[in-house]
C-alpha atoms as a PDB file:
ATOM      1  CA  MET A   1      53.896 284.530 -34.579  1.00  0.00           C
ATOM      2  CA  ALA A   2      51.812 282.869 -31.917  1.00  0.00           C
ATOM      3  CA  GLU A   3      53.050 284.011 -28.375  1.00  0.00           C
ATOM      4  CA  ILE A   4      51.861 283.698 -24.949  1.00  0.00           C
ATOM      5  CA  LEU A   5      52.869 286.826 -22.242  1.00  0.00           C
ATOM      6  CA  VAL A   6      53.588 285.275 -19.015  1.00  0.00           C
ATOM      7  CA  TYR A   7      53.074 287.611 -15.843  1.00  0.00           C
ATOM      8  CA  ASN A   8      54.072 286.917 -12.175  1.00  0.00           C
ATOM      9  CA  ILE A   9      54.898 282.936 -12.256  1.00  0.00           C
ATOM     10  CA  LYS A  10      56.875 283.016  -9.885  1.00  0.00           C
ATOM     11  CA  ASP A  11      56.710 279.280  -9.108  1.00  0.00           C
ATOM     12  CA  GLU A  12      59.231 277.527 -11.240  1.00  0.00           C
ATOM     13  CA  GLN A  13      57.518 274.244 -11.825  1.00  0.00           C
ATOM     14  CA  LYS A  14      54.223 275.948 -12.837  1.00  0.00           C
ATOM     15  CA  LEU A  15      56.011 278.280 -15.212  1.00  0.00           C
ATOM     16  CA  THR A  16      57.932 275.168 -16.807  1.00  0.00           C
ATOM     17  CA  GLY A  17      54.603 273.630 -17.029  1.00  0.00           C
ATOM     18  CA  ILE A  18      53.263 276.656 -18.806  1.00  0.00           C
ATOM     19  CA  ARG A  19      56.199 276.970 -21.214  1.00  0.00           C
ATOM     20  CA  LEU A  20      55.795 272.956 -21.756  1.00  0.00           C
ATOM     21  CA  CYS A  21      52.010 273.673 -22.445  1.00  0.00           C
ATOM     22  CA  ALA A  22      52.746 276.157 -25.204  1.00  0.00           C
ATOM     23  CA  LEU A  23      55.595 274.187 -26.661  1.00  0.00           C
ATOM     24  CA  LYS A  24      53.307 271.210 -27.566  1.00  0.00           C
ATOM     25  CA  GLN A  25      51.181 273.732 -29.734  1.00  0.00           C
ATOM     26  CA  GLY A  26      54.221 275.366 -31.120  1.00  0.00           C
ATOM     27  CA  VAL A  27      53.817 278.483 -29.298  1.00  0.00           C
ATOM     28  CA  GLU A  28      56.505 280.739 -27.745  1.00  0.00           C
ATOM     29  CA  THR A  29      56.479 281.748 -24.186  1.00  0.00           C
ATOM     30  CA  VAL A  30      57.628 285.299 -23.159  1.00  0.00           C
ATOM     31  CA  VAL A  31      58.033 286.267 -19.383  1.00  0.00           C
ATOM     32  CA  VAL A  32      57.488 289.838 -19.180  1.00  0.00           C
ATOM     33  CA  SER A  33      58.802 292.016 -16.698  1.00  0.00           C
ATOM     34  CA  PRO A  34      57.490 294.426 -14.388  1.00  0.00           C
ATOM     35  CA  GLU A  35      59.455 297.295 -15.814  1.00  0.00           C
ATOM     36  CA  ASP A  36      57.270 296.392 -19.352  1.00  0.00           C
ATOM     37  CA  PHE A  37      53.801 296.296 -17.376  1.00  0.00           C
ATOM     38  CA  SER A  38      52.953 300.021 -18.292  1.00  0.00           C
ATOM     39  CA  LYS A  39      53.772 300.007 -21.778  1.00  0.00           C
ATOM     40  CA  PRO A  40      51.317 299.012 -24.722  1.00  0.00           C
ATOM     41  CA  LEU A  41      50.950 295.304 -25.444  1.00  0.00           C
ATOM     42  CA  LYS A  42      52.116 296.176 -28.811  1.00  0.00           C
ATOM     43  CA  ALA A  43      55.248 297.618 -27.981  1.00  0.00           C
ATOM     44  CA  VAL A  44      55.713 294.432 -25.241  1.00  0.00           C
ATOM     45  CA  LEU A  45      54.887 292.187 -28.114  1.00  0.00           C
ATOM     46  CA  GLY A  46      57.528 293.894 -30.623  1.00  0.00           C
ATOM     47  CA  LEU A  47      54.884 295.108 -33.086  1.00  0.00           C
ATOM     48  CA  GLU A  48      55.544 298.716 -32.543  1.00  0.00           C
ATOM     49  CA  SER A  49      58.206 300.591 -30.858  1.00  0.00           C
ATOM     50  CA  ASP A  50      55.733 302.756 -29.087  1.00  0.00           C
ATOM     51  CA  SER A  51      57.043 302.445 -25.625  1.00  0.00           C
ATOM     52  CA  SER A  52      54.911 305.291 -24.049  1.00  0.00           C
ATOM     53  CA  ILE A  53      54.027 304.463 -20.229  1.00  0.00           C
ATOM     54  CA  ASP A  54      50.272 304.345 -18.878  1.00  0.00           C
ATOM     55  CA  ALA A  55      49.346 307.401 -17.455  1.00  0.00           C
ATOM     56  CA  ASN A  56      47.353 305.575 -15.016  1.00  0.00           C
ATOM     57  CA  ALA A  57      50.110 302.878 -14.087  1.00  0.00           C
ATOM     58  CA  GLN A  58      50.314 302.217 -10.616  1.00  0.00           C
ATOM     59  CA  LYS A  59      53.628 303.119  -8.837  1.00  0.00           C
ATOM     60  CA  LYS A  60      53.768 299.298  -7.956  1.00  0.00           C
ATOM     61  CA  PRO A  61      53.269 296.935 -10.609  1.00  0.00           C
ATOM     62  CA  PHE A  62      50.583 294.403 -10.198  1.00  0.00           C
ATOM     63  CA  GLU A  63      51.339 291.276  -8.427  1.00  0.00           C
ATOM     64  CA  GLY A  64      48.741 288.553  -9.897  1.00  0.00           C
ATOM     65  CA  GLU A  65      49.532 285.798 -12.506  1.00  0.00           C
ATOM     66  CA  MET A  66      48.023 286.556 -15.843  1.00  0.00           C
ATOM     67  CA  LEU A  67      48.783 284.829 -19.349  1.00  0.00           C
ATOM     68  CA  VAL A  68      47.840 286.973 -22.473  1.00  0.00           C
ATOM     69  CA  MET A  69      47.668 284.827 -25.603  1.00  0.00           C
ATOM     70  CA  HIS A  70      48.681 286.421 -29.218  1.00  0.00           C
ATOM     71  CA  ALA A  71      48.283 284.966 -32.468  1.00  0.00           C
ATOM     72  CA  LEU A  72      47.226 281.534 -31.728  1.00  0.00           C
ATOM     73  CA  ASP A  73      44.716 279.639 -33.981  1.00  0.00           C
ATOM     74  CA  ASN A  74      42.175 278.042 -32.874  1.00  0.00           C
ATOM     75  CA  ARG A  75      43.882 274.548 -32.510  1.00  0.00           C
ATOM     76  CA  GLN A  76      46.719 276.064 -30.676  1.00  0.00           C
ATOM     77  CA  PHE A  77      44.521 278.220 -28.148  1.00  0.00           C
ATOM     78  CA  ASN A  78      42.301 275.191 -27.539  1.00  0.00           C
ATOM     79  CA  GLY A  79      45.297 272.767 -26.929  1.00  0.00           C
ATOM     80  CA  PHE A  80      47.000 274.974 -24.700  1.00  0.00           C
ATOM     81  CA  LEU A  81      43.998 275.831 -22.653  1.00  0.00           C
ATOM     82  CA  ASP A  82      43.413 271.768 -22.632  1.00  0.00           C
ATOM     83  CA  SER A  83      47.005 271.373 -21.443  1.00  0.00           C
ATOM     84  CA  LEU A  84      46.662 273.539 -18.937  1.00  0.00           C
ATOM     85  CA  ARG A  85      43.738 271.641 -17.203  1.00  0.00           C
ATOM     86  CA  SER A  86      45.450 268.219 -17.778  1.00  0.00           C
ATOM     87  CA  PHE A  87      48.423 269.462 -16.227  1.00  0.00           C
ATOM     88  CA  ASP A  88      46.108 271.210 -13.287  1.00  0.00           C
ATOM     89  CA  ILE A  89      47.865 274.721 -13.771  1.00  0.00           C
ATOM     90  CA  SER A  90      45.574 277.427 -12.932  1.00  0.00           C
ATOM     91  CA  VAL A  91      45.906 280.930 -13.719  1.00  0.00           C
ATOM     92  CA  PRO A  92      43.330 283.015 -12.663  1.00  0.00           C
ATOM     93  CA  LEU A  93      43.433 285.776 -15.342  1.00  0.00           C
ATOM     94  CA  LYS A  94      43.843 284.870 -19.166  1.00  0.00           C
ATOM     95  CA  ALA A  95      43.223 287.367 -22.483  1.00  0.00           C
ATOM     96  CA  VAL A  96      43.758 287.070 -26.205  1.00  0.00           C
ATOM     97  CA  VAL A  97      44.908 290.269 -27.552  1.00  0.00           C
ATOM     98  CA  THR A  98      42.260 291.850 -29.548  1.00  0.00           C
ATOM     99  CA  ASP A  99      42.018 295.045 -32.059  1.00  0.00           C
ATOM    100  CA  THR A 100      40.413 297.045 -28.846  1.00  0.00           C
ATOM    101  CA  ASN A 101      43.259 295.809 -26.045  1.00  0.00           C
ATOM    102  CA  ILE A 102      46.180 295.576 -28.221  1.00  0.00           C
ATOM    103  CA  SER A 103      47.068 299.480 -27.237  1.00  0.00           C
ATOM    104  CA  TRP A 104      46.078 299.043 -23.673  1.00  0.00           C
ATOM    105  CA  SER A 105      49.099 298.385 -20.790  1.00  0.00           C
ATOM    106  CA  SER A 106      49.347 295.311 -18.978  1.00  0.00           C
ATOM    107  CA  GLU A 107      48.116 297.042 -15.985  1.00  0.00           C
ATOM    108  CA  LYS A 108      45.066 298.317 -17.555  1.00  0.00           C
ATOM    109  CA  LEU A 109      44.017 294.943 -19.014  1.00  0.00           C
ATOM    110  CA  TYR A 110      45.085 293.456 -15.472  1.00  0.00           C
ATOM    111  CA  ARG A 111      42.460 295.843 -13.859  1.00  0.00           C
ATOM    112  CA  GLU A 112      39.719 294.990 -16.788  1.00  0.00           C
ATOM    113  CA  LEU A 113      40.080 291.535 -16.265  1.00  0.00           C
ATOM    114  CA  SER A 114      40.548 291.765 -12.239  1.00  0.00           C
ATOM    115  CA  SER A 115      37.048 293.967 -12.092  1.00  0.00           C
ATOM    116  CA  GLU A 116      35.559 291.351 -14.541  1.00  0.00           C
ATOM    117  CA  ARG A 117      36.178 288.463 -12.829  1.00  0.00           C
ATOM    118  CA  LYS A 118      35.092 290.279  -9.195  1.00  0.00           C
ATOM    119  CA  ALA A 119      31.795 291.005 -11.262  1.00  0.00           C
ATOM    120  CA  ILE A 120      31.097 287.576 -12.425  1.00  0.00           C
ATOM    121  CA  SER A 121      31.927 286.219  -9.050  1.00  0.00           C
ATOM    122  CA  ALA A 122      29.511 288.587  -7.352  1.00  0.00           C
ATOM    123  CA  GLY A 123      26.643 287.124  -9.963  1.00  0.00           C
ATOM    124  CA  ARG A 124      26.676 290.549 -11.839  1.00  0.00           C
ATOM    125  CA  LYS A 125      26.753 290.923 -15.247  1.00  0.00           C
ATOM    126  CA  SER A 126      29.935 292.045 -17.522  1.00  0.00           C
ATOM    127  CA  VAL A 127      31.232 295.301 -16.092  1.00  0.00           C
ATOM    128  CA  HIS A 128      32.068 296.482 -19.604  1.00  0.00           C
ATOM    129  CA  ARG A 129      29.943 298.849 -21.249  1.00  0.00           C
ATOM    130  CA  LYS A 130      28.112 298.217 -24.912  1.00  0.00           C
ATOM    131  CA  LYS A 131      29.381 300.255 -27.383  1.00  0.00           C
ATOM    132  CA  GLY A 132      27.130 302.314 -29.657  1.00  0.00           C
END
């Protein structure tokens, strides 16, 4: 099932807009509570009962906004992003669940996306190292 995990969207109008954009694409939205930020994404998505906690989790959960897209097909993905733009809804950090990050906690994904965004803003290349 296609889902969008929603983090820290406190503005009700913005949250309603995100839900509407997702609904137009047949995608469910799930608002993730801060108590679940340190769990692996696969547990948050209900794909595995693993609720182990990220050992590097911060005592205070991150506060920035983030959207994480899972199992969207190309039409849904592009349609959702186009709808966000047409409604002028901005969420700085967005990600797609991958084979690599599905075992990460939401906090780790947030840290990775934040550092990537800072590197790009500073005009540096990706902070991720190539494997191999």
